[in-house]
Amino acid sequence: MYARLFFIFVAVIAMQYTIKYDPSAQIKFRGDNEKLFYNHNPEVMLSGPAETGKTFACCWKAHILACHYPGCQGAIVRQEYSSMHGTVLTTFNKVISGAPVVPFGGEHVEKYIYANDSVIWIGGMDKPDKVLSGERDFIYVNQAEQLKLNGWELMTTRCTGRAAVIPHPQIYGDCNPGPRNHWILDRAFAGALTLLKSFHRDNPMLFDDAGNITAQGKRTMAVLDHLTGVRLKRLRDGIWSTAEGAVYDMFDAFLGGPHVCERDAKEMVRWYLACDEGYTDPAVILLVGEDSDGRWHVFDEFYETGKLQQDVVAFAKSWADDYHVELVAVDNSAAGLIADMINNNIPAVGGKGRVLDNIGAIQNRLKVQGDGRARLTVDPKCVNTINEFESFSWKQGQDMPEHENSHTPSALWYLHNVLNENTNQIFI
């Protein structure tokens, strides 16, 4: 059974606007994606790996609530407002296509106004004033695993029933699995939050009604199958997982936390590239900015397997020229790569150092200092760097790390080593 009841509701109450239920169409909801529509508990979370249709279901629920309850006040929220337009709002705009809904705010939408006087506010927890300035009948939180607990709890205080339009006020969200100690699991275990589970078979784009994988499903699953580390467990298998014996166990992958954030390139006074040679293993180039206080920020990443050295050098050259890079740090054993870079006027320098010393140096940069900031941060689009910081682990019973998931940390080791050993020569 699909959520056809809701489609009938919309057809009845939304004046000339109708949504026709078509069993042959892709607008179908299976499993807990469907159960989300009928769940009226105060806090609900739809959890699952990537590409299971979670966001699609959550956007439809927001749209249907706004249609079915004239004059209601809802909200769609994410950790950072700037990340909404290429993600959840793209899906929501497809859902409301053809509906009597007017976006307000121009290019940066602030709210959607419905013909029946319902309003859905749009906002991020980085700028929550407008979206959380009043009582809401419902709040949908996209990518809720990126939020801190205090952000979620703040939203529960804005969804208590005082709005009195919807008889069952609710804060609900979708999330990919995170670490095993995540507040979402703690809240579900305590009974405060209902945790629903979404699977790839629930997405009609990936699996047909008979359970057979579609052509799109084969392409999607092939991509997910090639993930590594905790990202494979979380985004492919839907497992809440933390790397055992993580080298950088202090690394906080929450967006907006001490380590994963966006920074303004104008704050940087120097630019570096940090490189790790690879072909079967990924070749890595990290674009690293340094601010006036010596903090590093990884702005972008090149992380590719099967790339010829000439292609890697060409990519490094483009970044080196665009950002006026002062130093390119490379493993000193990669003599051919260093020579090729130098021949292309790239300021490449070899570095190595002792593994444990390098690990300790990056651990020190990840420590949150007295000013509340770490000395190493990563842009949220650098998904491979974030994955490896979470997944890079010690060999069992040894003071030596595993090789797997070491590529971006190694690149940063070389940068630390080169700067530590060659500061005078580089910047005189």
Protein backbone atom coordinates (compact mmCIF):
# COMPACT_ATOMS: atom_id res chain seq x y z
CA MET A 1 0.00 0.00 0.00
CA TYR A 2 1.29 3.46 -0.88
CA ALA A 3 0.42 6.83 0.59
CA ARG A 4 -2.58 7.32 -1.68
CA LEU A 5 -4.73 8.60 1.20
CA PHE A 6 -2.67 11.77 1.32
CA PHE A 7 -2.97 12.31 -2.42
CA ILE A 8 -6.75 12.15 -2.06
CA PHE A 9 -6.60 14.74 0.74
CA VAL A 10 -4.71 17.16 -1.47
CA ALA A 11 -7.05 16.64 -4.40
CA VAL A 12 -10.03 17.52 -2.16
CA ILE A 13 -8.76 20.58 -0.31
CA ALA A 14 -6.38 22.40 -2.61
CA MET A 15 -8.98 24.06 -4.85
CA GLN A 16 -8.05 23.47 -8.50
CA TYR A 17 -4.76 21.85 -7.61
CA THR A 18 -4.87 18.04 -7.63
CA ILE A 19 -2.37 15.25 -7.27
CA LYS A 20 -3.53 12.17 -9.11
CA TYR A 21 -2.49 8.85 -7.70
CA ASP A 22 -1.01 6.71 -10.47
CA PRO A 23 0.16 3.20 -9.51
CA SER A 24 2.49 3.15 -12.52
CA ALA A 25 4.18 6.45 -11.60
CA GLN A 26 7.36 6.91 -9.58
CA ILE A 27 5.54 8.77 -6.78
CA LYS A 28 5.34 5.77 -4.50
CA PHE A 29 6.35 5.28 -0.91
CA ARG A 30 7.39 1.95 0.53
CA GLY A 31 8.42 0.68 3.93
CA ASP A 32 9.18 3.31 6.54
CA ASN A 33 9.23 6.00 3.85
CA GLU A 34 5.47 5.43 3.75
CA LYS A 35 5.10 5.04 7.52
CA LEU A 36 6.54 8.54 7.94
CA PHE A 37 3.30 10.00 6.52
CA TYR A 38 1.12 8.31 9.12
CA ASN A 39 3.34 8.80 12.16
CA HIS A 40 2.11 11.58 14.45
CA ASN A 41 4.70 11.28 17.24
CA PRO A 42 6.29 14.57 18.39
CA GLU A 43 9.80 13.62 17.16
CA VAL A 44 10.44 11.31 14.20
CA MET A 45 13.61 10.53 12.27
CA LEU A 46 13.82 8.66 8.95
CA SER A 47 17.29 7.10 8.88
CA GLY A 48 18.97 5.18 6.09
CA PRO A 49 21.86 5.02 3.64
CA ALA A 50 22.21 7.33 0.65
CA GLU A 51 19.68 7.26 -2.21
CA THR A 52 16.77 5.53 -0.45
CA GLY A 53 14.23 8.31 -1.11
CA LYS A 54 14.26 9.77 2.39
CA THR A 55 14.41 13.42 1.33
CA PHE A 56 11.75 12.90 -1.34
CA ALA A 57 9.35 11.42 1.24
CA CYS A 58 10.07 14.16 3.77
CA CYS A 59 9.49 16.93 1.22
CA TRP A 60 6.19 15.34 0.18
CA LYS A 61 5.08 15.19 3.81
CA ALA A 62 5.80 18.91 4.27
CA HIS A 63 3.91 19.75 1.09
CA ILE A 64 0.90 17.62 1.99
CA LEU A 65 0.70 19.02 5.52
CA ALA A 66 0.74 22.56 4.12
CA CYS A 67 -2.03 21.66 1.66
CA HIS A 68 -4.21 19.74 4.09
CA TYR A 69 -4.08 22.27 6.96
CA PRO A 70 -4.83 25.79 5.60
CA GLY A 71 -2.97 28.53 7.43
CA CYS A 72 -0.41 26.26 9.06
CA GLN A 73 3.16 27.38 9.68
CA GLY A 74 5.89 24.90 8.77
CA ALA A 75 9.64 25.02 8.24
CA ILE A 76 12.37 23.21 6.34
CA VAL A 77 15.72 23.50 8.11
CA ARG A 78 19.29 22.34 7.55
CA GLN A 79 22.48 22.95 9.50
CA GLU A 80 23.68 25.64 7.07
CA TYR A 81 21.30 27.73 4.97
CA SER A 82 23.80 28.10 2.11
CA SER A 83 23.77 24.34 1.48
CA MET A 84 19.98 24.10 1.00
CA HIS A 85 19.60 25.38 -2.56
CA GLY A 86 21.52 22.62 -4.30
CA THR A 87 20.13 19.87 -2.08
CA VAL A 88 16.81 19.70 -0.28
CA LEU A 89 15.19 22.69 -2.00
CA THR A 90 15.94 21.17 -5.39
CA THR A 91 13.85 18.18 -4.35
CA PHE A 92 11.14 20.32 -2.74
CA ASN A 93 10.78 22.48 -5.86
CA LYS A 94 10.15 19.32 -7.90
CA VAL A 95 7.51 18.20 -5.40
CA ILE A 96 5.57 21.49 -5.54
CA SER A 97 5.85 21.90 -9.31
CA GLY A 98 2.46 23.02 -10.62
CA ALA A 99 1.07 23.69 -7.15
CA PRO A 100 -0.40 27.06 -6.08
CA VAL A 101 2.75 27.93 -4.14
CA VAL A 102 4.79 31.13 -4.45
CA PRO A 103 8.43 31.30 -3.28
CA PHE A 104 9.33 34.54 -1.49
CA GLY A 105 12.83 35.97 -1.30
CA GLY A 106 14.09 35.71 -4.85
CA GLU A 107 17.21 33.64 -5.47
CA HIS A 108 17.62 32.97 -1.74
CA VAL A 109 14.17 31.68 -0.81
CA GLU A 110 13.00 32.63 2.68
CA LYS A 111 9.58 30.99 2.59
CA TYR A 112 6.97 29.33 0.38
CA ILE A 113 3.48 30.86 0.53
CA TYR A 114 0.53 28.60 -0.32
CA ALA A 115 -2.79 29.70 -1.82
CA ASN A 116 -4.55 28.43 1.33
CA ASP A 117 -2.38 30.78 3.50
CA SER A 118 -0.06 28.03 4.72
CA VAL A 119 3.60 29.04 4.89
CA ILE A 120 6.76 26.92 4.90
CA TRP A 121 9.77 28.85 6.18
CA ILE A 122 13.30 28.06 4.97
CA GLY A 123 16.40 28.44 7.12
CA GLY A 124 19.64 27.11 8.54
CA MET A 125 20.79 26.68 12.10
CA ASP A 126 23.65 29.05 11.29
CA LYS A 127 20.99 31.79 10.88
CA PRO A 128 17.89 30.51 12.73
CA ASP A 129 16.25 33.84 13.64
CA LYS A 130 13.53 34.06 10.99
CA VAL A 131 12.70 30.39 10.64
CA LEU A 132 12.49 29.83 14.41
CA SER A 133 11.21 33.23 15.45
CA GLY A 134 7.69 31.92 16.03
CA GLU A 135 5.75 28.76 16.76
CA ARG A 136 5.67 26.16 13.99
CA ASP A 137 3.14 23.41 13.34
CA PHE A 138 5.83 21.20 11.86
CA ILE A 139 9.57 21.39 11.20
CA TYR A 140 11.37 19.17 8.71
CA VAL A 141 15.13 18.87 9.33
CA ASN A 142 17.15 17.72 6.33
CA GLN A 143 20.45 15.85 6.96
CA ALA A 144 19.74 15.92 10.69
CA GLU A 145 22.90 13.95 11.49
CA GLN A 146 24.82 17.18 10.81
CA LEU A 147 23.11 18.99 13.68
CA LYS A 148 24.23 19.16 17.27
CA LEU A 149 21.76 18.06 19.92
CA ASN A 150 21.19 21.62 21.18
CA GLY A 151 20.02 22.64 17.69
CA TRP A 152 17.44 19.86 17.58
CA GLU A 153 16.26 20.62 21.13
CA LEU A 154 15.91 24.31 20.26
CA MET A 155 13.56 23.39 17.42
CA THR A 156 11.42 21.21 19.70
CA THR A 157 10.63 24.36 21.72
CA ARG A 158 9.19 25.94 18.55
CA CYS A 159 6.92 23.00 17.78
CA THR A 160 4.87 22.43 20.94
CA GLY A 161 1.31 22.88 19.68
CA ARG A 162 0.78 26.56 20.50
CA ALA A 163 0.24 27.25 16.79
CA ALA A 164 -2.90 25.06 17.09
CA VAL A 165 -3.46 24.57 13.36
CA ILE A 166 -2.22 20.99 13.02
CA PRO A 167 -3.60 18.65 15.71
CA HIS A 168 -0.31 16.74 15.94
CA PRO A 169 2.65 19.21 15.85
CA GLN A 170 5.83 17.43 14.91
CA ILE A 171 9.53 17.87 14.27
CA TYR A 172 10.73 15.24 11.84
CA GLY A 173 13.85 14.71 9.79
CA ASP A 174 15.92 12.54 7.54
CA CYS A 175 19.47 11.45 8.23
CA ASN A 176 22.28 9.23 7.07
CA PRO A 177 23.75 7.05 9.83
CA GLY A 178 26.61 8.63 11.78
CA PRO A 179 28.83 7.48 14.64
CA ARG A 180 27.44 5.01 17.17
CA ASN A 181 27.48 7.64 19.92
CA HIS A 182 25.29 10.07 17.95
CA TRP A 183 22.58 11.92 19.84
CA ILE A 184 19.93 10.62 17.41
CA LEU A 185 20.50 7.06 18.64
CA ASP A 186 20.65 8.21 22.26
CA ARG A 187 17.36 10.09 21.89
CA ALA A 188 15.70 7.13 20.17
CA PHE A 189 16.92 4.73 22.87
CA ALA A 190 15.54 7.03 25.56
CA GLY A 191 12.12 6.97 23.85
CA ALA A 192 12.02 10.68 23.03
CA LEU A 193 12.38 10.12 19.27
CA THR A 194 10.84 7.56 16.91
CA LEU A 195 13.52 6.15 14.60
CA LEU A 196 12.29 4.85 11.23
CA LYS A 197 14.55 3.00 8.80
CA SER A 198 14.70 3.47 5.04
CA PHE A 199 16.34 1.01 2.61
CA HIS A 200 17.41 1.08 -1.03
CA ARG A 201 14.55 -1.25 -1.93
CA ASP A 202 12.16 1.51 -0.78
CA ASN A 203 13.21 3.74 -3.66
CA PRO A 204 11.14 2.99 -6.83
CA MET A 205 13.89 4.54 -8.94
CA LEU A 206 16.29 1.80 -7.79
CA PHE A 207 14.01 -1.23 -7.39
CA ASP A 208 10.72 -2.04 -9.13
CA ASP A 209 7.59 -3.32 -7.41
CA ALA A 210 8.77 -6.92 -7.77
CA GLY A 211 12.02 -6.12 -5.99
CA ASN A 212 14.18 -6.22 -9.13
CA ILE A 213 16.97 -3.69 -9.43
CA THR A 214 16.51 -1.11 -12.19
CA ALA A 215 19.13 0.27 -14.58
CA GLN A 216 19.36 3.38 -12.42
CA GLY A 217 19.65 1.16 -9.36
CA LYS A 218 22.63 -0.67 -10.85
CA ARG A 219 24.40 2.62 -11.53
CA THR A 220 23.65 4.00 -8.08
CA MET A 221 24.68 0.86 -6.20
CA ALA A 222 27.90 0.60 -8.23
CA VAL A 223 28.89 4.05 -6.98
CA LEU A 224 28.00 3.22 -3.38
CA ASP A 225 29.85 -0.11 -3.59
CA HIS A 226 33.11 1.77 -4.21
CA LEU A 227 32.95 3.80 -0.98
CA THR A 228 35.43 2.89 1.73
CA GLY A 229 35.73 2.99 5.51
CA VAL A 230 32.87 4.24 7.61
CA ARG A 231 31.28 5.91 4.58
CA LEU A 232 30.74 2.46 3.05
CA LYS A 233 29.06 1.26 6.24
CA ARG A 234 26.95 4.38 6.63
CA LEU A 235 26.02 5.38 3.07
CA ARG A 236 25.93 1.92 1.44
CA ASP A 237 24.89 -0.36 4.28
CA GLY A 238 23.01 2.06 6.54
CA ILE A 239 25.03 1.14 9.64
CA TRP A 240 25.71 3.58 12.45
CA SER A 241 29.44 3.05 12.63
CA THR A 242 32.61 4.43 14.21
CA ALA A 243 36.05 3.27 13.09
CA GLU A 244 37.61 1.01 15.69
CA GLY A 245 40.87 2.41 17.02
CA ALA A 246 40.61 5.63 15.02
CA VAL A 247 43.89 7.53 14.88
CA TYR A 248 42.09 10.86 14.87
CA ASP A 249 39.33 9.98 17.31
CA MET A 250 39.01 13.66 18.23
CA PHE A 251 37.87 14.55 14.70
CA ASP A 252 34.29 15.85 14.73
CA ALA A 253 32.57 15.32 11.37
CA PHE A 254 29.49 17.40 12.28
CA LEU A 255 28.93 20.22 9.81
CA GLY A 256 29.42 23.49 11.65
CA GLY A 257 31.46 21.80 14.39
CA PRO A 258 35.12 22.52 15.21
CA HIS A 259 36.52 20.63 12.21
CA VAL A 260 34.02 20.67 9.31
CA CYS A 261 32.98 24.15 8.24
CA GLU A 262 33.16 26.69 5.45
CA ARG A 263 35.71 29.51 5.51
CA ASP A 264 36.23 32.62 3.41
CA ALA A 265 39.22 32.39 1.07
CA LYS A 266 39.88 36.08 1.71
CA GLU A 267 40.96 35.18 5.26
CA MET A 268 43.94 33.22 3.95
CA VAL A 269 47.42 34.74 3.71
CA ARG A 270 49.16 31.72 2.15
CA TRP A 271 48.17 28.80 -0.04
CA TYR A 272 49.65 25.31 -0.19
CA LEU A 273 49.02 22.03 -1.97
CA ALA A 274 49.45 18.79 -0.03
CA CYS A 275 49.94 15.74 -2.27
CA ASP A 276 50.09 11.96 -1.95
CA GLU A 277 51.16 9.96 -4.99
CA GLY A 278 48.90 7.17 -6.21
CA TYR A 279 47.53 5.24 -9.16
CA THR A 280 45.90 2.06 -7.84
CA ASP A 281 45.56 3.92 -4.56
CA PRO A 282 44.08 7.38 -5.02
CA ALA A 283 46.27 10.28 -6.06
CA VAL A 284 45.54 13.13 -3.64
CA ILE A 285 45.92 16.89 -3.92
CA LEU A 286 44.54 19.04 -1.11
CA LEU A 287 44.12 22.80 -1.52
CA VAL A 288 45.11 24.22 1.87
CA GLY A 289 44.84 27.84 2.97
CA GLU A 290 46.64 29.28 5.98
CA ASP A 291 45.28 32.31 7.83
CA SER A 292 47.20 34.96 9.76
CA ASP A 293 46.99 32.88 12.94
CA GLY A 294 48.54 29.83 11.29
CA ARG A 295 45.29 27.87 11.03
CA TRP A 296 44.94 25.52 8.07
CA HIS A 297 41.72 25.00 6.12
CA VAL A 298 41.31 22.34 3.43
CA PHE A 299 39.22 24.14 0.81
CA ASP A 300 39.10 21.48 -1.89
CA GLU A 301 40.37 18.02 -2.80
CA PHE A 302 41.47 16.04 -5.82
CA TYR A 303 41.05 12.34 -4.97
CA GLU A 304 41.23 10.04 -7.98
CA THR A 305 42.40 6.52 -8.84
CA GLY A 306 43.80 5.46 -12.20
CA LYS A 307 45.11 8.90 -13.10
CA LEU A 308 48.36 9.23 -15.06
CA GLN A 309 51.09 11.36 -13.50
CA GLN A 310 50.78 13.94 -16.26
CA ASP A 311 47.11 14.42 -15.42
CA VAL A 312 47.86 14.84 -11.71
CA VAL A 313 50.59 17.38 -12.49
CA ALA A 314 48.26 19.31 -14.82
CA PHE A 315 45.61 19.52 -12.10
CA ALA A 316 48.17 20.65 -9.52
CA LYS A 317 49.42 23.24 -11.96
CA SER A 318 45.94 24.74 -12.38
CA TRP A 319 45.47 25.17 -8.63
CA ALA A 320 49.06 26.37 -8.11
CA ASP A 321 48.54 29.11 -10.70
CA ASP A 322 45.00 30.09 -9.69
CA TYR A 323 45.83 30.45 -5.97
CA HIS A 324 49.47 31.60 -6.28
CA VAL A 325 50.50 28.61 -4.22
CA GLU A 326 53.79 29.11 -2.35
CA LEU A 327 54.54 25.46 -1.63
CA VAL A 328 53.52 22.03 -2.87
CA ALA A 329 54.38 19.27 -0.39
CA VAL A 330 54.92 15.75 -1.81
CA ASP A 331 56.17 12.45 -0.39
CA ASN A 332 59.96 12.68 -0.83
CA SER A 333 60.01 9.12 -2.16
CA ALA A 334 57.96 10.26 -5.18
CA ALA A 335 61.04 11.62 -6.96
CA GLY A 336 59.53 11.37 -10.44
CA LEU A 337 56.40 13.29 -9.45
CA ILE A 338 58.46 16.01 -7.75
CA ALA A 339 60.73 16.37 -10.79
CA ASP A 340 57.76 16.55 -13.15
CA MET A 341 56.15 19.25 -11.02
CA ILE A 342 59.33 21.31 -10.84
CA ASN A 343 59.69 21.05 -14.63
CA ASN A 344 56.21 22.59 -14.85
CA ASN A 345 57.17 25.48 -12.54
CA ILE A 346 55.28 24.03 -9.58
CA PRO A 347 57.11 24.74 -6.27
CA ALA A 348 57.25 21.08 -5.17
CA VAL A 349 59.24 20.02 -2.09
CA GLY A 350 59.62 16.51 -0.69
CA GLY A 351 58.71 15.71 2.89
CA LYS A 352 58.37 12.59 5.01
CA GLY A 353 59.22 12.57 8.71
CA ARG A 354 58.47 9.90 11.27
CA VAL A 355 54.94 8.56 11.07
CA LEU A 356 54.19 8.94 14.78
CA ASP A 357 55.57 12.49 14.83
CA ASN A 358 53.41 13.42 11.85
CA ILE A 359 50.33 11.85 13.45
CA GLY A 360 50.98 13.79 16.64
CA ALA A 361 51.36 17.06 14.72
CA ILE A 362 47.96 16.66 13.01
CA GLN A 363 46.36 15.57 16.29
CA ASN A 364 47.64 18.80 17.84
CA ARG A 365 46.13 20.81 15.00
CA LEU A 366 42.77 19.10 15.55
CA LYS A 367 42.68 20.02 19.24
CA VAL A 368 40.21 22.76 20.04
CA GLN A 369 42.24 25.61 21.52
CA GLY A 370 41.36 28.21 24.13
CA ASP A 371 39.69 30.38 21.50
CA GLY A 372 37.24 27.55 20.75
CA ARG A 373 38.76 26.82 17.35
CA ALA A 374 40.89 24.04 15.92
CA ARG A 375 44.05 24.71 13.91
CA LEU A 376 42.90 22.42 11.09
CA THR A 377 39.45 22.48 9.48
CA VAL A 378 37.94 20.92 6.36
CA ASP A 379 35.31 22.19 3.93
CA PRO A 380 32.18 19.98 3.89
CA LYS A 381 32.55 19.25 0.17
CA CYS A 382 35.86 17.43 0.85
CA VAL A 383 34.03 14.17 1.55
CA ASN A 384 37.04 11.90 1.03
CA THR A 385 39.18 13.89 3.45
CA ILE A 386 36.41 13.77 6.06
CA ASN A 387 35.92 10.05 5.46
CA GLU A 388 39.60 9.26 5.94
CA PHE A 389 39.88 11.33 9.10
CA GLU A 390 37.01 9.28 10.51
CA SER A 391 38.26 5.93 9.15
CA PHE A 392 42.06 6.04 9.50
CA SER A 393 42.85 3.46 12.20
CA TRP A 394 45.64 1.87 14.20
CA LYS A 395 46.75 -1.68 13.48
CA GLN A 396 45.39 -3.88 16.21
CA GLY A 397 47.80 -4.03 19.13
CA GLN A 398 50.45 -1.91 17.37
CA ASP A 399 51.65 1.68 17.44
CA MET A 400 51.41 1.80 13.66
CA PRO A 401 48.44 2.83 11.51
CA GLU A 402 46.78 0.81 8.78
CA HIS A 403 47.55 1.83 5.20
CA GLU A 404 43.87 1.99 4.29
CA ASN A 405 42.30 5.47 4.48
CA SER A 406 45.73 7.09 5.00
CA HIS A 407 46.00 9.10 1.79
CA THR A 408 44.69 12.54 2.76
CA PRO A 409 46.26 12.38 6.26
CA SER A 410 49.58 11.47 4.62
CA ALA A 411 49.36 14.48 2.32
CA LEU A 412 48.92 16.73 5.35
CA TRP A 413 51.84 15.00 7.07
CA TYR A 414 54.12 15.94 4.19
CA LEU A 415 52.92 19.54 4.37
CA HIS A 416 53.62 19.68 8.10
CA ASN A 417 57.04 18.09 7.65
CA VAL A 418 58.10 20.39 4.81
CA LEU A 419 56.99 23.51 6.66
CA ASN A 420 58.59 22.35 9.90
CA GLU A 421 61.92 21.48 8.27
CA ASN A 422 62.15 24.18 5.62
CA THR A 423 60.48 27.30 7.01
CA ASN A 424 63.51 29.55 6.64
CA GLN A 425 64.28 28.49 3.07
CA ILE A 426 60.67 28.84 1.93
CA PHE A 427 59.67 32.22 3.30
CA ILE A 428 62.88 34.28 3.45
